Structures are given as C-alpha cells and as structure tokens.
Protein backbone atom coordinates (compact mmCIF):
# COMPACT_ATOMS: atom_id res chain seq x y z
CA MET A 1 -18.73 19.54 -7.69
CA ASN A 2 -15.55 18.40 -9.31
CA ILE A 3 -12.76 19.11 -6.73
CA LEU A 4 -9.05 19.19 -7.18
CA ILE A 5 -6.92 18.93 -4.00
CA LEU A 6 -3.16 19.48 -3.59
CA ASN A 7 -1.45 17.77 -0.75
CA TRP A 8 2.23 16.64 -0.29
CA ARG A 9 1.20 13.13 0.57
CA ASP A 10 -1.70 10.76 0.19
CA ILE A 11 -2.95 8.16 2.70
CA GLU A 12 -0.74 5.36 1.18
CA HIS A 13 2.43 7.43 1.51
CA PRO A 14 4.76 5.82 4.15
CA GLU A 15 5.04 9.21 5.82
CA ALA A 16 1.24 9.94 5.94
CA GLY A 17 -0.04 11.54 9.04
CA GLY A 18 -2.99 13.42 10.43
CA ALA A 19 -3.45 15.81 7.57
CA GLU A 20 -3.75 12.85 5.10
CA VAL A 21 -6.25 11.05 7.55
CA HIS A 22 -8.31 14.18 7.59
CA LEU A 23 -8.24 14.59 3.74
CA PHE A 24 -9.50 10.92 3.12
CA GLU A 25 -12.07 10.92 5.89
CA ILE A 26 -13.56 14.05 4.68
CA PHE A 27 -13.33 13.93 0.98
CA SER A 28 -14.10 10.24 0.67
CA ARG A 29 -17.53 11.14 2.30
CA LEU A 30 -18.02 13.87 -0.04
CA VAL A 31 -17.66 11.28 -2.87
CA ALA A 32 -19.72 8.53 -1.18
CA ASN A 33 -22.38 10.52 0.56
CA TYR A 34 -22.84 13.53 -1.72
CA GLY A 35 -21.87 12.37 -5.19
CA HIS A 36 -18.95 14.72 -5.72
CA SER A 37 -15.86 13.89 -7.70
CA VAL A 38 -12.51 14.39 -6.04
CA THR A 39 -8.98 14.35 -7.55
CA LEU A 40 -5.95 14.40 -5.32
CA LEU A 41 -2.62 15.70 -6.83
CA THR A 42 0.26 14.63 -4.68
CA THR A 43 3.94 13.36 -4.66
CA ARG A 44 5.42 10.02 -5.64
CA PHE A 45 7.06 7.50 -3.21
CA LYS A 46 9.01 4.40 -3.75
CA GLY A 47 7.00 1.60 -5.39
CA CYS A 48 3.75 3.78 -5.89
CA GLU A 49 1.43 3.70 -8.74
CA GLU A 50 1.14 6.94 -10.70
CA ARG A 51 -2.60 6.80 -10.77
CA THR A 52 -4.85 4.97 -8.34
CA ILE A 53 -8.36 5.22 -6.90
CA CYS A 54 -8.40 5.18 -3.09
CA ARG A 55 -11.68 5.27 -1.20
CA GLY A 56 -13.37 6.82 -4.25
CA ILE A 57 -10.67 9.55 -4.68
CA GLU A 58 -8.57 9.63 -7.84
CA VAL A 59 -5.02 9.98 -6.72
CA LEU A 60 -2.44 11.33 -9.21
CA ARG A 61 1.16 11.15 -8.11
CA TYR A 62 3.82 13.35 -9.65
CA GLY A 63 7.16 14.96 -8.57
CA SER A 64 8.76 14.46 -5.14
CA ASN A 65 9.09 16.32 -1.81
CA TYR A 66 11.73 18.54 -3.32
CA THR A 67 10.08 19.53 -6.50
CA PHE A 68 6.24 19.23 -5.97
CA ASN A 69 5.81 22.73 -4.70
CA ARG A 70 7.46 24.22 -7.76
CA GLN A 71 6.04 21.87 -10.32
CA SER A 72 2.43 21.55 -9.22
CA PRO A 73 1.33 24.51 -11.35
CA SER A 74 2.42 22.90 -14.46
CA PHE A 75 0.77 19.60 -13.46
CA ILE A 76 -2.48 21.40 -12.84
CA LYS A 77 -2.23 23.20 -16.27
CA LYS A 78 -1.93 19.75 -18.03
CA LEU A 79 -5.00 18.51 -16.14
CA LEU A 80 -6.92 21.65 -17.07
CA LYS A 81 -6.36 20.97 -20.96
CA ASP A 82 -9.15 18.19 -20.73
CA ARG A 83 -10.89 18.60 -17.40
CA ARG A 84 -12.86 21.22 -15.60
CA PHE A 85 -12.65 21.77 -11.81
CA ASP A 86 -15.18 23.69 -9.84
CA CYS A 87 -12.60 24.42 -7.10
CA ILE A 88 -8.99 23.94 -6.02
CA VAL A 89 -8.20 23.04 -2.37
CA ASP A 90 -4.77 23.70 -1.04
CA ASP A 91 -4.23 21.27 1.90
CA VAL A 92 -1.48 23.19 3.49
CA ASN A 93 1.01 20.95 5.27
CA LYS A 94 4.39 22.64 5.97
CA LEU A 95 4.35 24.62 2.65
CA PRO A 96 1.66 26.32 0.73
CA PHE A 97 0.82 26.13 -3.08
CA TYR A 98 -0.81 29.47 -3.60
CA SER A 99 -3.31 28.04 -6.15
CA ASN A 100 -5.38 31.14 -5.66
CA LYS A 101 -2.51 33.19 -7.09
CA ARG A 102 -1.75 30.92 -9.97
CA PHE A 103 -5.34 30.13 -11.01
CA PRO A 104 -7.38 33.20 -10.18
CA GLY A 105 -10.21 32.01 -12.67
CA ILE A 106 -11.09 28.90 -10.46
CA PRO A 107 -12.57 29.24 -6.89
CA CYS A 108 -9.66 28.33 -4.63
CA CYS A 109 -9.52 27.83 -0.86
CA ALA A 110 -7.00 26.50 1.66
CA PHE A 111 -7.12 23.98 4.68
CA PHE A 112 -4.85 24.73 7.61
CA HIS A 113 -3.98 22.02 10.14
CA HIS A 114 -1.63 23.95 12.15
CA LEU A 115 1.35 26.30 11.97
CA PHE A 116 4.63 24.97 12.99
CA GLY A 117 6.06 28.16 14.31
CA LYS A 118 9.32 27.63 16.10
CA THR A 119 8.74 23.94 16.64
CA VAL A 120 9.75 23.37 12.92
CA PHE A 121 13.32 23.79 14.11
CA GLN A 122 13.01 20.59 15.99
CA LEU A 123 11.78 18.73 12.88
CA THR A 124 14.24 19.32 10.19
CA ASN A 125 17.61 20.88 9.26
CA PHE A 126 18.12 24.57 9.88
CA PRO A 127 17.82 25.92 6.29
CA MET A 128 14.66 24.03 5.71
CA ALA A 129 13.20 24.89 9.10
CA LEU A 130 13.96 28.68 8.44
CA TYR A 131 12.33 28.55 5.03
CA VAL A 132 9.12 26.92 6.48
CA TYR A 133 9.21 29.36 9.38
CA LEU A 134 9.58 32.46 7.06
CA THR A 135 6.96 31.12 4.66
CA GLU A 136 4.33 30.96 7.43
CA LYS A 137 4.97 34.54 8.06
CA ARG A 138 3.76 35.35 4.68
CA TYR A 139 0.49 33.46 4.76
CA GLY A 140 -1.36 36.72 5.16
CA ARG A 141 0.02 38.02 1.96
CA GLY A 142 -0.41 34.78 0.12
CA TYR A 143 -3.93 33.69 1.41
CA GLY A 144 -5.25 36.94 3.00
CA LYS A 145 -8.49 37.41 1.07
CA THR A 146 -8.85 33.69 0.11
CA PRO A 147 -11.30 31.49 1.99
CA CYS A 148 -9.38 29.44 4.49
CA CYS A 149 -10.48 26.69 6.99
CA ALA A 150 -8.66 25.86 10.20
CA VAL A 151 -9.31 22.74 12.31
CA SER A 152 -9.12 24.56 15.55
CA LYS A 153 -9.59 27.93 17.04
CA SER A 154 -5.88 27.97 18.03
CA THR A 155 -4.82 27.56 14.38
CA ALA A 156 -7.42 30.14 13.28
CA ASP A 157 -5.93 32.62 15.90
CA GLU A 158 -2.39 31.96 14.46
CA LEU A 159 -3.68 32.68 10.99
CA LEU A 160 -5.25 35.91 12.14
CA LYS A 161 -1.85 37.02 13.50
CA GLN A 162 -0.29 36.22 10.22
CA GLY A 163 -2.65 38.54 8.42
CA VAL A 164 -5.35 36.18 7.06
CA ASP A 165 -8.80 37.97 6.81
CA GLY A 166 -11.06 36.97 9.66
CA GLY A 167 -14.12 37.34 7.41
CA ASN A 168 -12.84 34.57 5.17
CA LEU A 169 -11.75 32.31 7.90
CA THR A 170 -13.83 29.20 9.00
CA VAL A 171 -13.25 26.74 11.74
CA ILE A 172 -14.24 23.00 11.20
CA GLU A 173 -12.86 20.69 13.64
CA ASN A 174 -11.51 17.13 12.84
CA GLY A 175 -13.76 14.19 13.57
CA ILE A 176 -13.51 10.61 14.67
CA ASP A 177 -15.38 7.42 14.18
CA ILE A 178 -17.44 7.70 17.42
CA ASP A 179 -19.00 4.34 16.89
CA LYS A 180 -15.69 2.52 16.82
CA TYR A 181 -13.95 4.76 19.45
CA CYS A 182 -16.21 3.96 22.45
CA PRO A 183 -16.15 2.55 26.01
CA ASN A 184 -16.19 -1.25 26.56
CA ASP A 185 -17.10 -2.44 29.89
CA VAL A 186 -15.56 -5.81 29.26
CA VAL A 187 -12.14 -4.30 29.03
CA VAL A 188 -10.61 -3.89 32.55
CA ARG A 189 -9.08 -0.49 33.35
CA GLU A 190 -5.55 -0.67 34.65
CA ASP A 191 -5.41 1.89 37.39
CA ASP A 192 -1.64 2.35 37.29
CA MET A 193 -1.37 2.72 33.46
CA LEU A 194 -0.61 5.91 31.59
CA LEU A 195 -0.90 6.11 27.84
CA TYR A 196 0.83 8.25 25.08
CA VAL A 197 -0.39 7.70 21.47
CA GLY A 198 1.35 9.50 18.60
CA ARG A 199 4.49 10.12 16.65
CA LEU A 200 7.72 10.31 18.58
CA LYS A 201 9.02 13.58 17.72
CA LYS A 202 11.05 15.91 20.17
CA TYR A 203 8.41 18.57 20.15
CA LYS A 204 5.84 15.97 21.37
CA ARG A 205 7.73 16.09 24.68
CA VAL A 206 7.19 12.47 25.72
CA ASP A 207 10.32 13.08 27.77
CA TYR A 208 8.26 15.32 30.12
CA ILE A 209 5.97 12.49 30.66
CA LEU A 210 8.94 10.34 31.73
CA GLU A 211 10.09 13.06 34.09
CA ALA A 212 6.68 13.18 35.63
CA MET A 213 6.69 9.40 36.08
CA SER A 214 10.06 9.68 37.72
CA ALA A 215 8.82 12.17 40.12
CA LEU A 216 5.72 9.87 40.98
CA SER A 217 8.03 6.91 41.24
CA ARG A 218 10.10 8.71 43.96
CA GLU A 219 6.87 9.15 45.92
CA GLY A 220 6.45 5.35 45.77
CA ARG A 221 3.80 5.20 43.01
CA ALA A 222 4.52 2.35 40.67
CA VAL A 223 2.93 3.82 37.55
CA ARG A 224 3.51 2.41 34.16
CA LEU A 225 3.52 4.08 30.70
CA ALA A 226 2.60 2.62 27.27
CA VAL A 227 3.97 4.57 24.41
CA VAL A 228 2.17 3.84 21.17
CA GLY A 229 3.76 5.17 17.83
CA THR A 230 7.17 5.52 16.51
CA GLY A 231 9.41 8.26 15.23
CA ASP A 232 13.01 9.55 15.09
CA ASP A 233 12.93 10.49 18.90
CA LEU A 234 12.59 6.81 19.96
CA PRO A 235 16.27 6.03 20.58
CA ARG A 236 16.59 9.18 22.73
CA LEU A 237 13.51 8.34 24.62
CA LYS A 238 14.50 4.72 25.38
CA LYS A 239 17.84 5.97 26.63
CA TYR A 240 16.25 8.62 28.78
CA ALA A 241 13.85 6.10 30.24
CA ALA A 242 16.86 3.92 31.23
CA GLU A 243 18.59 6.86 32.83
CA LEU A 244 15.61 7.53 34.89
CA GLY A 245 15.36 3.93 36.02
CA LEU A 246 12.11 3.48 34.24
CA SER A 247 12.89 0.87 31.55
CA ASP A 248 10.83 -1.92 33.30
CA ARG A 249 7.77 0.38 33.53
CA VAL A 250 7.77 1.95 29.99
CA ASP A 251 6.36 -0.11 27.15
CA PHE A 252 7.44 1.34 23.82
CA ALA A 253 4.90 -0.54 21.79
CA GLY A 254 5.65 0.96 18.47
CA PHE A 255 3.11 1.17 15.68
CA VAL A 256 -0.15 -0.75 16.28
CA ASP A 257 -3.25 -1.15 14.13
CA GLU A 258 -6.33 0.80 15.05
CA ASP A 259 -8.01 -1.93 16.97
CA LYS A 260 -5.01 -2.46 19.21
CA LYS A 261 -4.77 1.27 19.66
CA ILE A 262 -8.47 1.40 20.78
CA GLU A 263 -7.73 -1.47 23.21
CA TYR A 264 -4.98 0.60 24.77
CA LEU A 265 -7.29 3.61 25.03
CA ARG A 266 -9.88 1.46 26.81
CA ARG A 267 -7.34 -0.19 29.21
CA SER A 268 -5.47 2.86 30.36
CA ALA A 269 -6.41 4.90 33.49
CA ILE A 270 -5.13 8.27 31.95
CA PHE A 271 -4.20 9.46 28.44
CA VAL A 272 -1.32 11.88 28.52
CA THR A 273 -0.20 14.31 25.84
CA ALA A 274 2.67 16.88 26.42
CA SER A 275 3.10 18.19 22.89
CA GLU A 276 4.38 21.78 22.63
CA LYS A 277 1.83 22.39 19.79
CA GLU A 278 -0.76 20.73 17.81
CA GLY A 279 -3.34 21.61 15.30
CA TRP A 280 -6.27 20.10 17.22
CA GLY A 281 -5.18 17.06 19.29
CA ILE A 282 -7.28 14.33 17.63
CA THR A 283 -5.99 11.58 19.97
CA ASN A 284 -7.47 13.59 22.83
CA ILE A 285 -10.74 13.22 21.32
CA GLU A 286 -10.29 9.50 20.68
CA ALA A 287 -9.36 9.02 24.33
CA SER A 288 -12.38 10.93 25.57
CA ALA A 289 -14.61 8.86 23.08
CA CYS A 290 -13.36 5.87 25.06
CA ALA A 291 -14.22 7.54 28.21
CA THR A 292 -10.55 7.80 29.16
CA PRO A 293 -9.69 11.01 31.10
CA VAL A 294 -7.03 13.19 29.37
CA VAL A 295 -4.07 15.11 30.89
CA ALA A 296 -2.71 17.61 28.28
CA ASN A 297 -0.38 20.41 28.05
CA ASN A 298 -2.24 23.83 27.97
CA ALA A 299 -0.81 24.54 24.45
CA PRO A 300 -2.37 25.44 21.17
CA GLY A 301 -4.52 22.86 19.64
CA LEU A 302 -4.53 20.68 22.82
CA ARG A 303 -6.57 23.36 24.74
CA ASP A 304 -9.13 23.11 21.88
CA SER A 305 -9.63 19.38 22.32
CA VAL A 306 -9.72 19.19 26.06
CA VAL A 307 -12.38 20.98 28.29
CA ASP A 308 -10.40 21.66 31.45
CA ASN A 309 -11.86 19.94 34.52
CA GLU A 310 -14.59 18.35 32.33
CA THR A 311 -13.08 16.07 29.82
CA GLY A 312 -9.56 16.14 31.29
CA LEU A 313 -7.02 18.42 33.02
CA LEU A 314 -4.89 21.08 31.30
CA TYR A 315 -1.63 21.54 33.14
CA LYS A 316 0.47 24.73 33.10
CA GLU A 317 2.10 25.06 29.62
CA ASN A 318 5.35 23.09 29.37
CA ASP A 319 5.53 22.77 33.22
CA VAL A 320 6.56 19.28 34.28
CA ALA A 321 5.65 19.93 37.90
CA SER A 322 2.22 20.87 36.91
CA LEU A 323 1.89 17.82 34.68
CA THR A 324 2.99 15.68 37.61
CA GLU A 325 0.39 17.30 39.96
CA SER A 326 -2.28 16.68 37.32
CA LEU A 327 -1.46 13.05 37.03
CA ARG A 328 -1.22 12.73 40.81
CA LYS A 329 -4.60 14.21 41.15
CA LEU A 330 -6.30 11.75 38.84
CA LEU A 331 -4.38 8.73 40.01
CA ASP A 332 -5.51 9.47 43.66
CA ASP A 333 -9.19 9.84 42.73
CA ILE A 334 -10.87 7.06 40.86
CA GLU A 335 -14.34 8.65 41.08
CA LEU A 336 -12.99 11.82 39.47
CA ARG A 337 -11.61 9.71 36.62
CA GLY A 338 -14.97 8.10 36.19
CA ARG A 339 -16.77 11.46 36.04
CA ILE A 340 -14.29 13.07 33.71
CA GLY A 341 -14.30 9.95 31.55
CA ALA A 342 -18.18 10.05 31.27
CA ARG A 343 -18.11 13.65 30.33
CA GLY A 344 -15.46 13.02 27.87
CA ARG A 345 -17.55 10.63 26.02
CA MET A 346 -20.43 13.12 25.75
CA TRP A 347 -17.86 15.78 24.49
CA ALA A 348 -16.38 13.51 21.83
CA GLU A 349 -19.91 12.66 20.49
CA LYS A 350 -19.94 16.06 19.13
CA PHE A 351 -17.03 15.36 16.56
CA SER A 352 -17.82 12.90 13.87
CA TRP A 353 -16.41 12.62 10.45
CA ASP A 354 -19.78 12.65 8.95
CA ALA A 355 -20.65 16.04 10.68
CA SER A 356 -17.30 17.42 9.69
CA ALA A 357 -17.72 16.22 6.01
CA ARG A 358 -21.20 17.90 5.93
CA ARG A 359 -19.70 21.14 7.07
CA VAL A 360 -16.84 21.04 4.58
CA GLU A 361 -19.42 20.37 1.75
CA GLU A 362 -21.45 23.40 2.82
CA TRP A 363 -18.27 25.55 3.02
CA LEU A 364 -17.13 24.51 -0.53
CA LEU A 365 -20.49 25.04 -2.10
CA LYS A 366 -20.62 28.56 -0.70
CA ILE A 367 -17.17 29.36 -2.14
CA VAL A 368 -18.02 27.97 -5.61
CA ARG A 369 -21.46 29.72 -5.81
CA ALA A 370 -19.94 33.04 -4.68
CA LYS A 371 -17.26 32.86 -7.41
C-alpha cells in the first residue's frame, strides 16, 4: 500500500506527544516489516526541513497550526497530480481533516486517540476551546460511516455517543516496547517513592497527588514523589507543593530520556496517575511492564489500561480521599505490591507495538480492498 497520513505534528516537532509516538511506532513498522510506503503530511516548525525521511516515513511539512486544517486539501491535491495513494489516514488530534468528504474517490479512515470533551477548556483559550468542543460534537456527522479506529474502549464509547457508526468502529490499543520496559532485579525498589510521568497540564491533576501526599504526611508517612515531565502547570505545582510543606519531598525532575524514565519506573514503589481523562494511559502500561503497581483515577482511558485489583488500583473518579486510601493500602502491604506488579507485567506483555502494527495493517488492507 501507498499510505498518506495527515497529522498536525510529526515526531520531531517540539510539541510532539503521544499521538505522534503512536504514529511513528505503528507506521514505521508498516514500512520496515511489511514493505508499505508511508507519507506524512504535517505542519512546519521553526528550523525544520520541508521534506525529510524519518524512520522510513517520508515527512512533508507545510503550513502552520493556524492554517494547516484549511490548507491540507490543496496540499493533497498537489500531491495527487503525480502520486497515487491507496488510502488516506486522518490522525485526529484536536481537529479533524475530513479527508473522507474531500476525497471520496480514495479509501479514507481516521484514528482517534481521545476526545477532549470539557477538559479542552483547561488547555487553551476559550474561543479555541469552544471551537474544539463543538467540533467533537460533529464527529458523527463528519465521520459517521467512515472506518474509524480508537485506541481504547473508552474513546470508542465516546465516538459512539457522537454518532459514529459502531459497525465501522475498531479498537486497536497502543503498544510499548515490552523488551525495553521490563523489571530489573538489580534496581532497588524505594518503598517510600511515588512516581508520576507525563505532561504537566492542569487536567492531569498532579495537584491531587500532592494533596494525597499531604494527607499521608499528616499521618506520619514520609512518602516522596518524583514528577517526571514538564508543561505549563509546573509553576503552579511547585508553588502548591511549597504551600503544602512538601518541597523537600517532591522532585520535579523535568524531561528525562527514555532510559532514565525506565530507571524511575523500576525504582518507584507505586506509579500514580490522576488525570481527568486520557485516550489510553500508555504510561500505566509502561509502569506495569516494569512490574510497578499502578494507582489510577477511574476515568476514561485510564480504566482501560489498568485492571482494578489486578495490575493496580482504580480509585473513585476525581476523589482525593479515595486516591489517598489506595496509596495507603499499597504502601502498607509490600506483598500486595509484589503480586500486583507481577500481574501487571503479564498484562503489559499483551501490548506490543509489533502486535498493534500488525492489527493496523490488517485493518487498512480490509478498508482498501472493500473500496
């Protein structure tokens, strides 16, 4: 197949995130393992090359965040003058492209990582947030009969509510490198260490973790927290940690490379994520792969990547008292942590990028053949 993908960013973009990791992990394997040709049409960023090859994927950069959505059809038309594509994939992240409407003669499909819903109002200014919120409400009208793929059951359920046809909806979960993310008996677990890994955005609710730590500290528990990642909520979180008297117990480690992140996952006693909403919660799977028990909010996406009382504990949605109790339960029971960690490793082994890529290839071939 000759595949064209539309995404707002590529993996080298300074603001690349989980959607871009997913794109390159999956589609680079379609190039390397299955011999398909993949072209990514995306936006420019400062200092970038207009055309490059990244992990076997041809990356073409045009337009900007403010113009790409409107200009992408004209970019595609220029490409179609001397190229033939077997399918077009809309990798939907914030805003859709509706290639299915603009190029009905070519098999089109769409990937959905998660819907923002009301959390988008915590991410951007009100006019833009309202635009994204209302756009998501029209996904059923725009993509209703188009083959769509969600990365979790929670995202699929949200798409169904928006009117996307269930008969055209497939779930293919994200993967991880299960050989790289693994336990290491040489690394010593630190029984008092909690860990958060991810972007620092308000909707990620790292402040809830701080509040739970404060409650545990008042009980005389000297727990520590490592916060790995960066984002615009960092100044507020640092200030809040100081107000709670936790400055000496919270390590804001910032961005770290993958090897360092894996070291943190292996060292920590408990991995904690309190986000109000995720597409899948891939860091939960990474923690489980390292045999680290997870405590997670019982929220969309996170509840898909954690098996309650098996690979971790899901606490009552957005409830700090329930979060605190879940942490207390695991901190008090080292044998429980060990059992959950072992089961978590077995659970994580089900999710590899190779397996996900194979399922995506089968899905795309079915779409192309049907058309």
